[in-house]
Amino acid sequence: MIEAAYLVEAGRLRILYSNREVGFSELYEWGRERIKRFPELYVVFKDLRNRGFVVRRGLKFGCDYLAYRFGPGIDHAPFGVQVYRGGEEIDPIELVRMGRLLHSVRKKLIVAVAEDGRVQYYEFNWWKP
């Protein structure tokens, strides 16, 4: 639904439901009702896509999104992206789990904080003293 909303907003997809076209606003509201953290997930998806990344779900890697430079089957995603709402508490253990899993498959952990329609990105790297 997130990608569909993005494509509808960009004018690259039309959705018909019960013989009528569903606009972006209605689709966005459906997403808000059905998907936890939809506004934050949507704004990060949109920002990554607008920056040229191919964005896919990151569930099997323990994060919200995988961000590819070219796309699945063409290259490996260099980034796993976890989305948080501005002001949301983050459990450090959750970051360690995500970071360890992503590091084991040679991906960098990116934390995306969405607030007021803007996104701030933080990259995490493993460091050994």
N, C-alpha and C. Protein backbone atom coordinates (compact mmCIF):
# COMPACT_ATOMS: atom_id res chain seq x y z
N MET A 1 0.82 -1.19 0.00
CA MET A 1 0.00 0.00 0.00
C MET A 1 0.87 1.26 0.00
N ILE A 2 2.03 1.18 0.63
CA ILE A 2 2.93 2.34 0.68
C ILE A 2 3.44 2.68 -0.71
N GLU A 3 3.90 1.67 -1.44
CA GLU A 3 4.38 1.92 -2.80
C GLU A 3 3.25 2.37 -3.71
N ALA A 4 2.07 1.77 -3.53
CA ALA A 4 0.92 2.18 -4.35
C ALA A 4 0.59 3.65 -4.10
N ALA A 5 0.60 4.08 -2.84
CA ALA A 5 0.32 5.49 -2.54
C ALA A 5 1.36 6.40 -3.19
N TYR A 6 2.62 5.99 -3.13
CA TYR A 6 3.69 6.77 -3.75
C TYR A 6 3.45 6.92 -5.25
N LEU A 7 3.13 5.81 -5.90
CA LEU A 7 2.93 5.83 -7.35
C LEU A 7 1.68 6.61 -7.75
N VAL A 8 0.63 6.53 -6.94
CA VAL A 8 -0.59 7.32 -7.21
C VAL A 8 -0.26 8.81 -7.07
N GLU A 9 0.42 9.18 -6.00
CA GLU A 9 0.77 10.58 -5.79
C GLU A 9 1.65 11.11 -6.92
N ALA A 10 2.54 10.25 -7.44
CA ALA A 10 3.44 10.65 -8.53
C ALA A 10 2.75 10.64 -9.89
N GLY A 11 1.49 10.18 -9.94
CA GLY A 11 0.76 10.14 -11.19
C GLY A 11 1.17 8.99 -12.10
N ARG A 12 1.79 7.96 -11.52
CA ARG A 12 2.28 6.82 -12.32
C ARG A 12 1.41 5.58 -12.17
N LEU A 13 0.34 5.68 -11.37
CA LEU A 13 -0.55 4.54 -11.15
C LEU A 13 -1.96 5.06 -10.90
N ARG A 14 -2.92 4.36 -11.44
CA ARG A 14 -4.33 4.64 -11.15
C ARG A 14 -4.90 3.40 -10.48
N ILE A 15 -5.68 3.60 -9.45
CA ILE A 15 -6.31 2.49 -8.74
C ILE A 15 -7.82 2.63 -8.87
N LEU A 16 -8.43 1.55 -9.32
CA LEU A 16 -9.88 1.51 -9.44
C LEU A 16 -10.42 0.56 -8.38
N TYR A 17 -11.43 1.01 -7.66
CA TYR A 17 -12.05 0.21 -6.61
C TYR A 17 -13.56 0.43 -6.71
N SER A 18 -14.31 -0.65 -6.85
CA SER A 18 -15.76 -0.56 -7.03
C SER A 18 -16.13 0.39 -8.17
N ASN A 19 -15.45 0.24 -9.27
CA ASN A 19 -15.70 1.02 -10.49
C ASN A 19 -15.47 2.52 -10.35
N ARG A 20 -14.62 2.92 -9.42
CA ARG A 20 -14.27 4.34 -9.31
C ARG A 20 -12.78 4.45 -8.98
N GLU A 21 -12.21 5.57 -9.38
CA GLU A 21 -10.80 5.79 -9.13
C GLU A 21 -10.58 6.24 -7.69
N VAL A 22 -9.57 5.66 -7.07
CA VAL A 22 -9.20 6.03 -5.70
C VAL A 22 -8.04 7.01 -5.78
N GLY A 23 -8.21 8.19 -5.20
CA GLY A 23 -7.17 9.20 -5.21
C GLY A 23 -6.15 9.00 -4.10
N PHE A 24 -5.10 9.81 -4.15
CA PHE A 24 -4.03 9.69 -3.17
C PHE A 24 -4.54 9.88 -1.74
N SER A 25 -5.35 10.90 -1.49
CA SER A 25 -5.81 11.18 -0.12
C SER A 25 -6.57 10.00 0.47
N GLU A 26 -7.45 9.41 -0.33
CA GLU A 26 -8.22 8.27 0.17
C GLU A 26 -7.32 7.06 0.41
N LEU A 27 -6.39 6.82 -0.49
CA LEU A 27 -5.46 5.70 -0.33
C LEU A 27 -4.58 5.91 0.90
N TYR A 28 -4.15 7.14 1.11
CA TYR A 28 -3.32 7.47 2.28
C TYR A 28 -4.10 7.19 3.57
N GLU A 29 -5.37 7.57 3.60
CA GLU A 29 -6.20 7.31 4.79
C GLU A 29 -6.39 5.82 5.02
N TRP A 30 -6.59 5.07 3.95
CA TRP A 30 -6.68 3.61 4.09
C TRP A 30 -5.40 3.08 4.74
N GLY A 31 -4.26 3.58 4.29
CA GLY A 31 -2.98 3.16 4.86
C GLY A 31 -2.87 3.50 6.33
N ARG A 32 -3.27 4.71 6.70
CA ARG A 32 -3.23 5.13 8.11
C ARG A 32 -4.09 4.23 8.99
N GLU A 33 -5.23 3.79 8.45
CA GLU A 33 -6.14 2.94 9.21
C GLU A 33 -5.63 1.51 9.34
N ARG A 34 -4.83 1.06 8.40
CA ARG A 34 -4.48 -0.36 8.33
C ARG A 34 -3.03 -0.69 8.69
N ILE A 35 -2.14 0.28 8.57
CA ILE A 35 -0.71 0.01 8.78
C ILE A 35 -0.17 0.89 9.89
N LYS A 36 0.34 0.25 10.92
CA LYS A 36 0.94 0.98 12.04
C LYS A 36 2.14 1.79 11.51
N ARG A 37 2.24 3.03 11.92
CA ARG A 37 3.32 3.95 11.54
C ARG A 37 3.30 4.31 10.06
N PHE A 38 2.13 4.21 9.41
CA PHE A 38 2.05 4.47 7.97
C PHE A 38 2.60 5.84 7.58
N PRO A 39 2.24 6.93 8.29
CA PRO A 39 2.77 8.24 7.85
C PRO A 39 4.29 8.30 7.84
N GLU A 40 4.92 7.72 8.86
CA GLU A 40 6.38 7.73 8.93
C GLU A 40 6.98 6.81 7.86
N LEU A 41 6.41 5.63 7.71
CA LEU A 41 6.89 4.70 6.69
C LEU A 41 6.75 5.30 5.29
N TYR A 42 5.63 5.98 5.08
CA TYR A 42 5.39 6.58 3.76
C TYR A 42 6.40 7.69 3.46
N VAL A 43 6.60 8.60 4.39
CA VAL A 43 7.48 9.74 4.11
C VAL A 43 8.92 9.27 3.89
N VAL A 44 9.35 8.23 4.59
CA VAL A 44 10.71 7.70 4.38
C VAL A 44 10.79 6.99 3.02
N PHE A 45 9.78 6.17 2.70
CA PHE A 45 9.74 5.51 1.40
C PHE A 45 9.84 6.55 0.28
N LYS A 46 9.01 7.57 0.38
CA LYS A 46 8.98 8.62 -0.65
C LYS A 46 10.33 9.32 -0.75
N ASP A 47 10.93 9.65 0.37
CA ASP A 47 12.22 10.34 0.37
C ASP A 47 13.30 9.47 -0.26
N LEU A 48 13.34 8.20 0.10
CA LEU A 48 14.35 7.30 -0.47
C LEU A 48 14.16 7.15 -1.98
N ARG A 49 12.91 6.98 -2.40
CA ARG A 49 12.63 6.86 -3.84
C ARG A 49 13.03 8.13 -4.57
N ASN A 50 12.71 9.29 -3.99
CA ASN A 50 13.07 10.56 -4.62
C ASN A 50 14.58 10.78 -4.69
N ARG A 51 15.31 10.10 -3.82
CA ARG A 51 16.78 10.16 -3.85
C ARG A 51 17.36 9.15 -4.82
N GLY A 52 16.50 8.37 -5.48
CA GLY A 52 16.96 7.44 -6.50
C GLY A 52 17.12 6.00 -6.07
N PHE A 53 16.79 5.68 -4.83
CA PHE A 53 16.92 4.31 -4.36
C PHE A 53 15.72 3.47 -4.79
N VAL A 54 15.97 2.18 -4.98
CA VAL A 54 14.90 1.21 -5.15
C VAL A 54 14.63 0.67 -3.74
N VAL A 55 13.39 0.77 -3.29
CA VAL A 55 13.06 0.46 -1.90
C VAL A 55 12.19 -0.79 -1.84
N ARG A 56 12.60 -1.75 -1.01
CA ARG A 56 11.84 -2.97 -0.79
C ARG A 56 11.72 -3.22 0.71
N ARG A 57 10.77 -4.07 1.08
CA ARG A 57 10.58 -4.41 2.50
C ARG A 57 11.83 -5.10 3.03
N GLY A 58 12.18 -4.82 4.27
CA GLY A 58 13.38 -5.40 4.87
C GLY A 58 13.09 -6.42 5.95
N LEU A 59 11.88 -6.97 5.95
CA LEU A 59 11.44 -7.86 7.02
C LEU A 59 12.42 -8.99 7.30
N LYS A 60 12.92 -9.67 6.29
CA LYS A 60 13.79 -10.82 6.55
C LYS A 60 15.16 -10.41 7.08
N PHE A 61 15.45 -9.11 7.06
CA PHE A 61 16.69 -8.60 7.63
C PHE A 61 16.45 -7.80 8.91
N GLY A 62 15.23 -7.87 9.45
CA GLY A 62 14.93 -7.25 10.73
C GLY A 62 14.76 -5.75 10.71
N CYS A 63 14.49 -5.16 9.54
CA CYS A 63 14.31 -3.72 9.45
C CYS A 63 13.10 -3.43 8.57
N ASP A 64 12.74 -2.16 8.47
CA ASP A 64 11.58 -1.78 7.68
C ASP A 64 11.83 -1.87 6.18
N TYR A 65 12.97 -1.37 5.72
CA TYR A 65 13.24 -1.31 4.28
C TYR A 65 14.67 -1.74 3.96
N LEU A 66 14.84 -2.21 2.75
CA LEU A 66 16.16 -2.34 2.14
C LEU A 66 16.22 -1.28 1.05
N ALA A 67 17.34 -0.60 0.95
CA ALA A 67 17.52 0.44 -0.07
C ALA A 67 18.62 0.00 -1.02
N TYR A 68 18.23 -0.19 -2.29
CA TYR A 68 19.14 -0.63 -3.34
C TYR A 68 19.52 0.57 -4.21
N ARG A 69 20.72 0.52 -4.75
CA ARG A 69 21.11 1.54 -5.72
C ARG A 69 20.48 1.26 -7.08
N PHE A 70 20.42 -0.04 -7.47
CA PHE A 70 19.90 -0.40 -8.78
C PHE A 70 18.69 -1.33 -8.73
N GLY A 71 18.61 -2.21 -7.74
CA GLY A 71 17.44 -3.06 -7.59
C GLY A 71 17.79 -4.52 -7.33
N PRO A 72 16.84 -5.25 -6.75
CA PRO A 72 17.06 -6.67 -6.48
C PRO A 72 17.37 -7.42 -7.78
N GLY A 73 18.32 -8.33 -7.70
CA GLY A 73 18.72 -9.09 -8.87
C GLY A 73 19.79 -8.39 -9.68
N ILE A 74 19.96 -7.10 -9.47
CA ILE A 74 20.99 -6.34 -10.16
C ILE A 74 22.16 -6.09 -9.21
N ASP A 75 21.84 -5.68 -8.00
CA ASP A 75 22.86 -5.49 -6.97
C ASP A 75 22.28 -5.90 -5.62
N HIS A 76 23.12 -5.90 -4.61
CA HIS A 76 22.67 -6.16 -3.25
C HIS A 76 22.40 -4.82 -2.58
N ALA A 77 21.41 -4.80 -1.72
CA ALA A 77 21.08 -3.56 -1.01
C ALA A 77 22.21 -3.21 -0.04
N PRO A 78 22.78 -2.03 -0.15
CA PRO A 78 23.84 -1.65 0.78
C PRO A 78 23.30 -1.19 2.14
N PHE A 79 21.98 -0.88 2.20
CA PHE A 79 21.43 -0.31 3.42
C PHE A 79 20.16 -1.04 3.88
N GLY A 80 20.08 -1.24 5.19
CA GLY A 80 18.84 -1.63 5.84
C GLY A 80 18.36 -0.40 6.58
N VAL A 81 17.10 -0.03 6.42
CA VAL A 81 16.59 1.21 6.98
C VAL A 81 15.49 0.90 8.00
N GLN A 82 15.64 1.43 9.20
CA GLN A 82 14.62 1.31 10.24
C GLN A 82 14.01 2.69 10.47
N VAL A 83 12.69 2.74 10.45
CA VAL A 83 11.97 4.01 10.55
C VAL A 83 11.46 4.23 11.96
N TYR A 84 11.68 5.42 12.46
CA TYR A 84 11.15 5.84 13.76
C TYR A 84 10.45 7.18 13.62
N ARG A 85 9.54 7.44 14.51
CA ARG A 85 8.83 8.72 14.59
C ARG A 85 9.68 9.64 15.46
N GLY A 86 9.73 10.91 15.13
CA GLY A 86 10.45 11.88 15.94
C GLY A 86 9.97 11.84 17.39
N GLY A 87 10.89 11.80 18.32
CA GLY A 87 10.55 11.75 19.73
C GLY A 87 10.26 10.36 20.27
N GLU A 88 10.23 9.37 19.39
CA GLU A 88 9.95 7.99 19.81
C GLU A 88 11.15 7.43 20.56
N GLU A 89 10.88 6.69 21.64
CA GLU A 89 11.96 6.04 22.38
C GLU A 89 12.45 4.84 21.57
N ILE A 90 13.77 4.68 21.57
CA ILE A 90 14.38 3.57 20.84
C ILE A 90 15.11 2.68 21.85
N ASP A 91 14.80 1.41 21.82
CA ASP A 91 15.47 0.44 22.69
C ASP A 91 16.85 0.14 22.10
N PRO A 92 17.93 0.40 22.84
CA PRO A 92 19.27 0.16 22.30
C PRO A 92 19.49 -1.30 21.89
N ILE A 93 18.85 -2.22 22.58
CA ILE A 93 18.99 -3.64 22.23
C ILE A 93 18.43 -3.89 20.83
N GLU A 94 17.36 -3.20 20.49
CA GLU A 94 16.77 -3.33 19.15
C GLU A 94 17.77 -2.88 18.08
N LEU A 95 18.47 -1.80 18.34
CA LEU A 95 19.48 -1.31 17.40
C LEU A 95 20.62 -2.31 17.25
N VAL A 96 21.04 -2.89 18.37
CA VAL A 96 22.13 -3.87 18.33
C VAL A 96 21.70 -5.09 17.52
N ARG A 97 20.49 -5.59 17.75
CA ARG A 97 20.00 -6.74 16.99
C ARG A 97 19.98 -6.46 15.49
N MET A 98 19.38 -5.34 15.14
CA MET A 98 19.32 -4.97 13.71
C MET A 98 20.73 -4.81 13.14
N GLY A 99 21.55 -4.09 13.88
CA GLY A 99 22.91 -3.82 13.41
C GLY A 99 23.72 -5.08 13.21
N ARG A 100 23.62 -6.02 14.14
CA ARG A 100 24.37 -7.27 14.02
C ARG A 100 23.89 -8.09 12.82
N LEU A 101 22.58 -8.19 12.66
CA LEU A 101 22.05 -8.95 11.53
C LEU A 101 22.45 -8.30 10.21
N LEU A 102 22.27 -6.99 10.10
CA LEU A 102 22.61 -6.31 8.85
C LEU A 102 24.11 -6.37 8.57
N HIS A 103 24.92 -6.23 9.62
CA HIS A 103 26.37 -6.31 9.44
C HIS A 103 26.78 -7.70 8.93
N SER A 104 26.11 -8.74 9.42
CA SER A 104 26.46 -10.10 9.01
C SER A 104 26.17 -10.36 7.53
N VAL A 105 25.30 -9.55 6.93
CA VAL A 105 25.00 -9.67 5.49
C VAL A 105 25.53 -8.46 4.71
N ARG A 106 26.50 -7.78 5.30
CA ARG A 106 27.22 -6.66 4.66
C ARG A 106 26.32 -5.50 4.26
N LYS A 107 25.44 -5.14 5.16
CA LYS A 107 24.58 -3.97 4.93
C LYS A 107 24.78 -3.00 6.10
N LYS A 108 24.65 -1.74 5.82
CA LYS A 108 24.75 -0.73 6.88
C LYS A 108 23.37 -0.44 7.43
N LEU A 109 23.30 -0.23 8.73
CA LEU A 109 22.05 0.14 9.39
C LEU A 109 21.87 1.65 9.29
N ILE A 110 20.74 2.04 8.74
CA ILE A 110 20.36 3.44 8.66
C ILE A 110 19.09 3.61 9.49
N VAL A 111 19.12 4.51 10.44
CA VAL A 111 17.92 4.86 11.20
C VAL A 111 17.36 6.14 10.59
N ALA A 112 16.11 6.07 10.18
CA ALA A 112 15.42 7.22 9.59
C ALA A 112 14.41 7.73 10.60
N VAL A 113 14.54 8.98 10.98
CA VAL A 113 13.61 9.60 11.92
C VAL A 113 12.73 10.57 11.14
N ALA A 114 11.43 10.26 11.13
CA ALA A 114 10.47 11.07 10.38
C ALA A 114 9.69 11.95 11.35
N GLU A 115 9.66 13.25 11.04
CA GLU A 115 8.93 14.19 11.88
C GLU A 115 8.51 15.38 11.03
N ASP A 116 7.23 15.71 11.11
CA ASP A 116 6.67 16.85 10.37
C ASP A 116 6.96 16.78 8.87
N GLY A 117 6.89 15.58 8.30
CA GLY A 117 7.08 15.42 6.87
C GLY A 117 8.53 15.45 6.41
N ARG A 118 9.46 15.57 7.35
CA ARG A 118 10.88 15.58 7.02
C ARG A 118 11.53 14.31 7.56
N VAL A 119 12.67 13.96 6.98
CA VAL A 119 13.39 12.75 7.40
C VAL A 119 14.83 13.10 7.70
N GLN A 120 15.31 12.61 8.83
CA GLN A 120 16.71 12.75 9.20
C GLN A 120 17.29 11.33 9.25
N TYR A 121 18.45 11.12 8.62
CA TYR A 121 19.06 9.80 8.56
C TYR A 121 20.30 9.73 9.44
N TYR A 122 20.47 8.58 10.10
CA TYR A 122 21.64 8.31 10.93
C TYR A 122 22.20 6.96 10.52
N GLU A 123 23.48 6.94 10.18
CA GLU A 123 24.13 5.70 9.78
C GLU A 123 24.89 5.12 10.97
N PHE A 124 24.74 3.81 11.18
CA PHE A 124 25.43 3.12 12.26
C PHE A 124 26.47 2.19 11.65
N ASN A 125 27.67 2.23 12.22
CA ASN A 125 28.76 1.34 11.78
C ASN A 125 29.29 0.60 12.99
N TRP A 126 29.75 -0.63 12.77
CA TRP A 126 30.43 -1.37 13.83
C TRP A 126 31.81 -0.78 14.00
N TRP A 127 32.22 -0.65 15.24
CA TRP A 127 33.52 -0.09 15.55
C TRP A 127 34.20 -0.99 16.55
N LYS A 128 35.44 -1.33 16.25
CA LYS A 128 36.22 -2.16 17.18
C LYS A 128 37.40 -1.32 17.65
N PRO A 129 37.53 -1.15 18.96
CA PRO A 129 38.66 -0.34 19.48
C PRO A 129 40.00 -1.04 19.29
